[in-house]
């Protein structure tokens, strides 16, 4: 494919056959012009072939289907999720990755969200420049463990879902990569600059930190942060991460006739901190993480500031001869309004490494009346079928 001789021979033959040759019209100059044109076309075709050789495209992703039975509530088939992931790579220079999430809501309507879409420029062996919307480098669960076929449980730990204590995604730029071995220990890093998160009331009336990456900082300073992790053993990673900046709140200050409310953007101090741990030894998988986000006070607002924090510890053991995997997890979540904890027990059956069926029981408890009123102390039975492709 890299030789132009067959292409040149074929193209030359095609041109000569298509010409109505008249002996008295043929000159050396005209033949040379024809050969030059053929050569240019051949070079163009060769360059295109070489370019295609360096390009690669992959469709990956995962899907999950779930059922739940809630104490003092109803049981429903309540999860239908499909998340295709697109990868495009050009040589060892550039890679694009993007994920869409398709879900079905209670009304049967399909909801589509862009989880992430980012371009990656490989600057050298130790550094990649990232631009776009990417999963937050703060923490481990959200960026690496949350996909249904990777998560050992059919649910996220308390506080590690949307609008909890964990950080979802960022819109901005980042540098990330691995570092050379030091004292026979590997390490990796991420540094990012992104738009500010938003402090607001959620649909259920709770005060939340909305960390979904968005395309504006609403006039606030950018959030800067990063993560550094070491691998003291090949199957162990310990990471520490955090971020700092401002968080934006929309404050309704009054009304204008025929125009509705007047909204003012105010800012508060904001920072986050996270430490995570993962260890795999033979069939045993251990994971743990602690994260907190802190929002400062602002006397203009009635929304309560404070700490949003969560942590979990989880152990799973694969019984390979039976394709079974028992899992136990403890998680805890608190914010200025609620406090809750959970013990979750699960038994998984692995049809394959990427096809898993899960049955779990969550024992939930709440430490105050607000959380109890919201049903956060109701136990749940969950079942899920998840697969990656």
Protein backbone atom coordinates (compact mmCIF):
# COMPACT_ATOMS: atom_id res chain seq x y z
CA UNK A 1 0.00 0.00 0.00
CA UNK A 2 2.93 2.32 0.57
CA UNK A 3 4.32 1.90 -2.98
CA UNK A 4 3.02 4.30 -5.61
CA UNK A 5 4.16 2.13 -8.56
CA UNK A 6 0.89 0.11 -8.96
CA UNK A 7 -1.19 3.28 -8.56
CA UNK A 8 0.96 5.14 -11.11
CA UNK A 9 0.82 2.27 -13.60
CA UNK A 10 -2.93 1.92 -13.35
CA UNK A 11 -3.58 5.65 -13.62
CA UNK A 12 -1.23 5.98 -16.62
CA UNK A 13 -2.93 3.10 -18.42
CA UNK A 14 -6.39 4.61 -17.81
CA UNK A 15 -5.37 7.98 -19.23
CA UNK A 16 -3.71 6.51 -22.33
CA UNK A 17 -6.72 4.32 -23.12
CA UNK A 18 -9.12 7.26 -22.77
CA UNK A 19 -7.16 9.45 -25.22
CA UNK A 20 -8.01 9.24 -28.88
CA UNK A 21 -4.51 8.94 -30.12
CA UNK A 22 -3.64 10.60 -33.36
CA UNK A 23 -0.04 10.22 -34.32
CA UNK A 24 0.36 13.71 -35.72
CA UNK A 25 -0.88 15.32 -32.44
CA UNK A 26 1.49 13.49 -30.03
CA UNK A 27 4.45 15.48 -28.80
CA UNK A 28 6.98 14.92 -26.06
CA UNK A 29 5.69 17.99 -24.23
CA UNK A 30 2.06 16.80 -24.18
CA UNK A 31 3.04 13.35 -22.93
CA UNK A 32 5.13 14.94 -20.16
CA UNK A 33 2.18 17.09 -19.09
CA UNK A 34 -0.01 13.99 -18.88
CA UNK A 35 2.61 12.20 -16.80
CA UNK A 36 2.93 15.20 -14.44
CA UNK A 37 -0.84 15.27 -13.86
CA UNK A 38 -0.87 11.52 -13.19
CA UNK A 39 2.05 11.87 -10.77
CA UNK A 40 0.29 14.64 -8.81
CA UNK A 41 -2.89 12.55 -8.52
CA UNK A 42 -0.85 9.56 -7.42
CA UNK A 43 0.94 11.56 -4.72
CA UNK A 44 -2.40 12.91 -3.47
CA UNK A 45 -3.90 9.42 -3.28
CA UNK A 46 -0.81 8.12 -1.49
CA UNK A 47 -0.97 10.92 1.11
CA UNK A 48 -4.65 10.20 1.74
CA UNK A 49 -3.97 6.49 2.21
CA UNK A 50 -1.16 7.21 4.67
CA UNK A 51 -3.41 9.63 6.58
CA UNK A 52 -6.17 7.01 6.85
CA UNK A 53 -3.66 4.51 8.17
CA UNK A 54 -2.94 6.83 11.11
CA UNK A 55 -6.62 7.37 11.98
CA UNK A 56 -8.63 5.06 14.18
CA UNK A 57 -12.24 5.09 15.41
CA UNK A 58 -13.84 3.04 18.17
CA UNK A 59 -17.37 2.79 19.51
CA UNK A 60 -17.47 1.61 23.12
CA UNK A 61 -19.81 2.20 26.05
CA UNK A 62 -22.11 0.45 28.48
CA UNK A 63 -25.77 -0.07 29.34
CA UNK A 64 -27.75 -1.03 32.42
CA UNK A 65 -31.28 -2.04 33.34
CA UNK A 66 -32.51 -1.96 36.93
CA UNK A 67 -35.32 -2.74 39.35
CA UNK A 68 -35.92 -1.46 42.89
CA UNK A 69 -38.26 -2.20 45.77
CA UNK A 70 -38.34 0.61 48.35
CA UNK A 71 -39.53 0.14 51.92
CA UNK A 72 -42.82 2.00 52.49
CA UNK A 73 -42.92 2.59 48.75
CA UNK A 74 -43.40 0.71 45.50
CA UNK A 75 -41.32 -1.56 43.32
CA UNK A 76 -40.51 -0.57 39.76
CA UNK A 77 -38.32 -1.35 36.81
CA UNK A 78 -36.76 2.08 37.16
CA UNK A 79 -33.47 2.13 35.26
CA UNK A 80 -32.97 2.07 31.51
CA UNK A 81 -29.61 3.53 30.59
CA UNK A 82 -27.51 3.45 27.42
CA UNK A 83 -24.18 5.29 27.27
CA UNK A 84 -22.25 5.08 23.99
CA UNK A 85 -18.65 6.28 24.13
CA UNK A 86 -16.88 7.52 21.00
CA UNK A 87 -13.11 7.46 20.53
CA UNK A 88 -11.18 8.87 17.59
CA UNK A 89 -7.40 8.89 17.45
CA UNK A 90 -4.97 10.30 14.92
CA UNK A 91 -1.56 8.66 15.17
CA UNK A 92 0.08 9.35 18.53
CA UNK A 93 -0.78 13.07 18.33
CA UNK A 94 -4.46 13.51 19.12
CA UNK A 95 -7.43 11.68 20.62
CA UNK A 96 -11.08 12.68 20.99
CA UNK A 97 -13.36 11.00 23.52
CA UNK A 98 -17.01 11.68 24.19
CA UNK A 99 -19.88 10.00 26.03
CA UNK A 100 -23.63 10.43 25.66
CA UNK A 101 -26.09 9.17 28.25
CA UNK A 102 -29.59 8.09 27.21
CA UNK A 103 -32.11 7.44 30.00
CA UNK A 104 -35.86 7.02 30.28
CA UNK A 105 -37.74 9.02 32.94
CA UNK A 106 -40.91 8.29 34.91
CA UNK A 107 -43.07 9.69 32.10
CA UNK A 108 -41.47 7.45 29.48
CA UNK A 109 -39.58 10.30 27.86
CA UNK A 110 -36.00 9.86 26.69
CA UNK A 111 -33.43 12.15 28.26
CA UNK A 112 -30.08 12.76 26.57
CA UNK A 113 -27.08 14.27 28.33
CA UNK A 114 -23.50 14.89 27.29
CA UNK A 115 -21.36 13.32 30.01
CA UNK A 116 -18.08 14.50 28.52
CA UNK A 117 -16.51 15.55 25.22
CA UNK A 118 -12.82 16.41 25.19
CA UNK A 119 -9.85 16.60 22.85
CA UNK A 120 -6.49 15.25 24.02
CA UNK A 121 -3.17 16.41 22.57
CA UNK A 122 -0.23 14.15 23.43
CA UNK A 123 2.57 16.62 24.14
CA UNK A 124 5.18 14.04 25.18
CA UNK A 125 5.47 10.69 26.95
CA UNK A 126 4.47 12.23 30.28
CA UNK A 127 1.93 14.93 29.46
CA UNK A 128 -1.45 15.24 27.71
CA UNK A 129 -3.25 18.54 27.14
CA UNK A 130 -7.03 18.21 27.55
CA UNK A 131 -9.67 20.72 26.44
CA UNK A 132 -13.46 20.51 26.59
CA UNK A 133 -15.82 18.93 29.09
CA UNK A 134 -14.15 16.17 31.09
CA UNK A 135 -14.92 14.09 34.17
CA UNK A 136 -13.57 15.89 37.21
CA UNK A 137 -10.05 14.81 38.22
CA UNK A 138 -11.02 15.42 41.87
CA UNK A 139 -11.55 11.99 43.36
CA UNK A 140 -11.68 8.47 41.98
CA UNK A 141 -15.26 7.16 41.96
CA UNK A 142 -16.81 9.62 39.52
CA UNK A 143 -14.08 9.61 36.91
CA UNK A 144 -13.18 5.90 36.98
CA UNK A 145 -15.70 3.72 38.84
CA UNK A 146 -19.21 5.10 38.22
CA UNK A 147 -20.01 3.19 34.95
CA UNK A 148 -22.55 0.48 35.75
CA UNK A 149 -20.45 -2.44 34.53
CA UNK A 150 -17.42 -1.28 36.58
CA UNK A 151 -19.25 -0.32 39.79
CA UNK A 152 -19.61 -3.43 41.95
CA UNK A 153 -22.94 -2.17 43.30
CA UNK A 154 -26.15 -1.27 41.42
CA UNK A 155 -26.05 2.19 43.07
CA UNK A 156 -23.48 4.85 43.87
CA UNK A 157 -22.32 5.31 47.48
CA UNK A 158 -24.22 7.96 49.42
CA UNK A 159 -23.04 11.42 48.38
CA UNK A 160 -21.25 10.20 45.26
CA UNK A 161 -24.16 10.65 42.88
CA UNK A 162 -25.32 13.85 41.21
CA UNK A 163 -25.70 16.87 43.51
CA UNK A 164 -24.04 15.11 46.43
CA UNK A 165 -20.59 15.75 47.83
CA UNK A 166 -18.65 14.48 44.81
CA UNK A 167 -17.73 16.59 41.79
CA UNK A 168 -19.19 15.55 38.43
CA UNK A 169 -17.46 17.28 35.52
CA UNK A 170 -15.58 20.38 34.42
CA UNK A 171 -15.50 22.57 31.34
CA UNK A 172 -12.02 23.94 30.85
CA UNK A 173 -8.49 22.76 30.22
CA UNK A 174 -6.19 20.28 31.95
CA UNK A 175 -2.75 18.72 31.89
CA UNK A 176 -2.52 15.10 32.94
CA UNK A 177 -0.23 12.13 32.60
CA UNK A 178 2.19 9.81 34.35
CA UNK A 179 5.63 10.49 35.78
CA UNK A 180 8.86 8.48 35.56
CA UNK A 181 9.48 5.98 38.33
CA UNK A 182 10.99 7.35 41.53
CA UNK A 183 12.31 4.76 44.00
CA UNK A 184 10.58 2.12 41.84
CA UNK A 185 7.21 3.82 42.41
CA UNK A 186 4.91 5.00 39.64
CA UNK A 187 2.76 8.12 39.94
CA UNK A 188 0.25 10.12 37.90
CA UNK A 189 -1.10 13.64 38.03
CA UNK A 190 -3.80 16.00 36.75
CA UNK A 191 -3.98 19.81 36.89
CA UNK A 192 -7.03 21.68 35.62
CA UNK A 193 -8.56 25.14 35.18
CA UNK A 194 -12.34 25.23 34.78
CA UNK A 195 -15.50 27.32 35.03
CA UNK A 196 -16.96 27.87 38.48
CA UNK A 197 -19.68 25.58 39.94
CA UNK A 198 -23.14 26.83 40.98
CA UNK A 199 -24.75 27.03 44.42
CA UNK A 200 -28.54 26.65 44.19
CA UNK A 201 -31.72 24.93 45.28
CA UNK A 202 -32.44 21.62 43.61
CA UNK A 203 -35.76 20.44 42.24
CA UNK A 204 -36.60 18.91 45.63
CA UNK A 205 -35.88 22.17 47.48
CA UNK A 206 -32.58 21.01 48.99
CA UNK A 207 -29.57 23.31 48.77
CA UNK A 208 -27.04 21.71 46.42
CA UNK A 209 -23.62 22.30 44.90
CA UNK A 210 -24.15 21.84 41.17
CA UNK A 211 -20.80 20.71 39.75
CA UNK A 212 -21.99 19.72 36.28
CA UNK A 213 -19.53 21.33 33.88
CA UNK A 214 -21.02 24.37 32.17
CA UNK A 215 -19.83 26.90 29.59
CA UNK A 216 -19.87 29.98 31.84
CA UNK A 217 -18.38 31.06 35.15
CA UNK A 218 -21.11 33.72 35.55
CA UNK A 219 -18.44 36.36 36.11
CA UNK A 220 -16.69 34.41 38.89
CA UNK A 221 -13.04 33.48 38.99
CA UNK A 222 -12.12 30.09 37.58
CA UNK A 223 -11.73 26.94 39.65
CA UNK A 224 -8.22 25.51 39.78
CA UNK A 225 -7.40 22.07 41.08
CA UNK A 226 -5.74 18.76 40.51
CA UNK A 227 -4.93 15.26 41.67
CA UNK A 228 -1.71 13.39 42.45
CA UNK A 229 -1.58 9.63 42.97
CA UNK A 230 1.15 7.09 43.65
CA UNK A 231 1.30 3.34 43.07
CA UNK A 232 3.41 1.91 45.91
CA UNK A 233 2.42 -1.52 44.58
CA UNK A 234 1.41 -2.41 41.03
CA UNK A 235 -2.14 -3.16 42.22
CA UNK A 236 -2.48 -0.27 44.69
CA UNK A 237 -3.16 3.42 44.19
CA UNK A 238 -3.40 6.22 46.74
CA UNK A 239 -4.61 9.60 45.50
CA UNK A 240 -5.08 13.07 46.93
CA UNK A 241 -6.91 15.83 45.09
CA UNK A 242 -8.71 19.12 45.54
CA UNK A 243 -9.76 22.42 44.03
CA UNK A 244 -10.33 26.03 45.01
CA UNK A 245 -12.00 29.12 43.60
CA UNK A 246 -15.44 30.73 43.72
CA UNK A 247 -18.95 29.35 43.53
CA UNK A 248 -21.82 31.34 41.99
CA UNK A 249 -25.32 31.81 43.38
CA UNK A 250 -28.24 33.44 41.62
CA UNK A 251 -29.98 35.77 44.06
CA UNK A 252 -33.47 37.15 43.36
CA UNK A 253 -33.34 40.79 44.45
CA UNK A 254 -36.67 42.19 43.29
CA UNK A 255 -39.07 42.53 40.39
CA UNK A 256 -39.63 44.78 37.44
CA UNK A 257 -43.13 45.33 36.10
CA UNK A 258 -43.91 43.00 33.17
CA UNK A 259 -40.36 41.61 33.33
CA UNK A 260 -40.42 39.17 36.25
CA UNK A 261 -37.69 38.73 38.84
CA UNK A 262 -34.39 40.60 38.86
CA UNK A 263 -31.55 38.13 39.42
CA UNK A 264 -28.15 39.05 40.75
CA UNK A 265 -25.10 36.79 40.65
CA UNK A 266 -23.23 36.66 43.94
CA UNK A 267 -20.08 34.74 44.80
CA UNK A 268 -18.87 32.67 47.72
CA UNK A 269 -15.55 31.05 48.55
CA UNK A 270 -15.36 27.44 47.45
CA UNK A 271 -12.89 24.58 47.88
CA UNK A 272 -12.86 20.79 47.77
CA UNK A 273 -10.62 18.05 49.12
CA UNK A 274 -10.48 14.32 48.37
CA UNK A 275 -8.40 11.29 49.28
CA UNK A 276 -8.94 7.89 47.63
CA UNK A 277 -7.54 4.37 47.91
CA UNK A 278 -7.83 1.25 45.77
CA UNK A 279 -6.14 -2.13 46.15
CA UNK A 280 -6.53 -5.35 44.16
CA UNK A 281 -4.91 -8.56 45.35
CA UNK A 282 -5.82 -11.83 43.66
CA UNK A 283 -9.64 -11.98 43.84
CA UNK A 284 -10.03 -9.28 46.50
CA UNK A 285 -10.90 -5.70 45.50
CA UNK A 286 -10.86 -2.93 48.13
CA UNK A 287 -11.86 0.69 47.53
CA UNK A 288 -12.32 3.71 49.78
CA UNK A 289 -12.75 7.45 49.30
CA UNK A 290 -13.43 10.58 51.32
CA UNK A 291 -14.51 13.85 49.73
CA UNK A 292 -15.73 17.19 51.00
CA UNK A 293 -16.77 20.49 49.45
CA UNK A 294 -16.92 23.68 51.48
CA UNK A 295 -19.01 26.75 50.61
CA UNK A 296 -18.32 30.06 52.36
CA UNK A 297 -20.86 32.47 53.82
CA UNK A 298 -22.48 35.41 52.08
CA UNK A 299 -24.71 37.70 54.13
CA UNK A 300 -26.84 38.56 51.09
CA UNK A 301 -28.15 35.00 50.78
CA UNK A 302 -30.49 32.84 52.83
CA UNK A 303 -28.90 29.60 51.60
CA UNK A 304 -26.94 27.93 54.36
CA UNK A 305 -23.20 27.53 53.80
CA UNK A 306 -21.07 24.77 55.25
CA UNK A 307 -19.64 21.37 54.38
CA UNK A 308 -20.91 18.76 51.94
CA UNK A 309 -18.97 15.58 52.71
CA UNK A 310 -19.15 11.87 52.00
CA UNK A 311 -17.06 8.76 52.35
CA UNK A 312 -17.32 5.06 51.60
CA UNK A 313 -15.38 1.84 52.03
CA UNK A 314 -16.05 -1.26 49.95
CA UNK A 315 -14.73 -4.81 49.67
CA UNK A 316 -15.54 -7.34 46.93
CA UNK A 317 -14.29 -10.90 46.49
CA UNK A 318 -14.63 -12.95 43.30
CA UNK A 319 -15.32 -16.66 43.76
CA UNK A 320 -14.09 -17.53 40.30
CA UNK A 321 -15.10 -21.20 40.32
CA UNK A 322 -18.77 -20.19 40.75
CA UNK A 323 -18.57 -16.79 38.94
CA UNK A 324 -19.98 -15.17 42.08
CA UNK A 325 -18.85 -11.97 43.76
CA UNK A 326 -20.12 -10.95 47.22
CA UNK A 327 -19.73 -7.22 47.98
CA UNK A 328 -20.10 -5.14 51.14
CA UNK A 329 -20.05 -1.33 51.30
CA UNK A 330 -20.49 1.30 53.98
CA UNK A 331 -21.13 4.91 53.00
CA UNK A 332 -21.95 8.13 54.83
CA UNK A 333 -23.14 11.52 53.60
CA UNK A 334 -23.87 14.82 55.31
CA UNK A 335 -24.56 18.44 54.41
CA UNK A 336 -25.92 21.38 56.43
CA UNK A 337 -29.47 20.00 56.09
CA UNK A 338 -29.26 16.19 56.27
CA UNK A 339 -27.15 13.34 57.58
CA UNK A 340 -27.48 9.75 56.44
CA UNK A 341 -25.56 6.47 56.33
CA UNK A 342 -25.89 3.15 54.53
CA UNK A 343 -24.75 -0.45 54.70
CA UNK A 344 -25.13 -2.22 51.36
CA UNK A 345 -24.77 -5.96 50.69
CA UNK A 346 -24.67 -7.39 47.18
CA UNK A 347 -24.15 -10.64 45.35
CA UNK A 348 -23.06 -10.47 41.73
CA UNK A 349 -22.97 -13.10 39.01
CA UNK A 350 -20.38 -12.58 36.29
CA UNK A 351 -21.53 -13.99 32.95
CA UNK A 352 -18.31 -12.48 31.58
CA UNK A 353 -15.84 -9.82 32.68
CA UNK A 354 -18.05 -7.19 31.05
CA UNK A 355 -21.51 -8.71 31.70
CA UNK A 356 -22.66 -8.67 35.32
CA UNK A 357 -25.94 -9.26 37.16
CA UNK A 358 -26.30 -7.74 40.64
CA UNK A 359 -28.72 -8.15 43.54
CA UNK A 360 -28.26 -5.83 46.52
CA UNK A 361 -29.95 -4.81 49.75
CA UNK A 362 -29.37 -1.34 51.22
CA UNK A 363 -29.88 -0.69 54.94
CA UNK A 364 -30.34 3.07 55.23
CA UNK A 365 -30.48 5.26 58.31
CA UNK A 366 -30.97 8.99 58.81
CA UNK A 367 -29.77 11.11 61.72
CA UNK A 368 -32.29 13.96 61.60
CA UNK A 369 -35.94 14.64 60.86
CA UNK A 370 -35.26 16.32 57.51
CA UNK A 371 -33.58 13.22 56.10
CA UNK A 372 -36.27 10.96 57.57
CA UNK A 373 -39.01 13.09 56.01
CA UNK A 374 -37.30 12.69 52.64
CA UNK A 375 -37.33 8.90 53.01
CA UNK A 376 -33.57 8.57 53.32
CA UNK A 377 -33.99 5.96 56.07
CA UNK A 378 -36.05 3.60 53.88
CA UNK A 379 -34.29 0.36 53.03
CA UNK A 380 -34.13 -0.81 49.41
CA UNK A 381 -33.79 -4.00 47.41
CA UNK A 382 -32.07 -3.49 44.05
CA UNK A 383 -31.36 -5.64 41.00
CA UNK A 384 -29.39 -4.70 37.91
CA UNK A 385 -28.06 -6.14 34.68
CA UNK A 386 -25.08 -4.19 33.30
CA UNK A 387 -22.65 -4.74 30.48
CA UNK A 388 -19.84 -2.89 28.78
CA UNK A 389 -18.84 -3.13 25.14
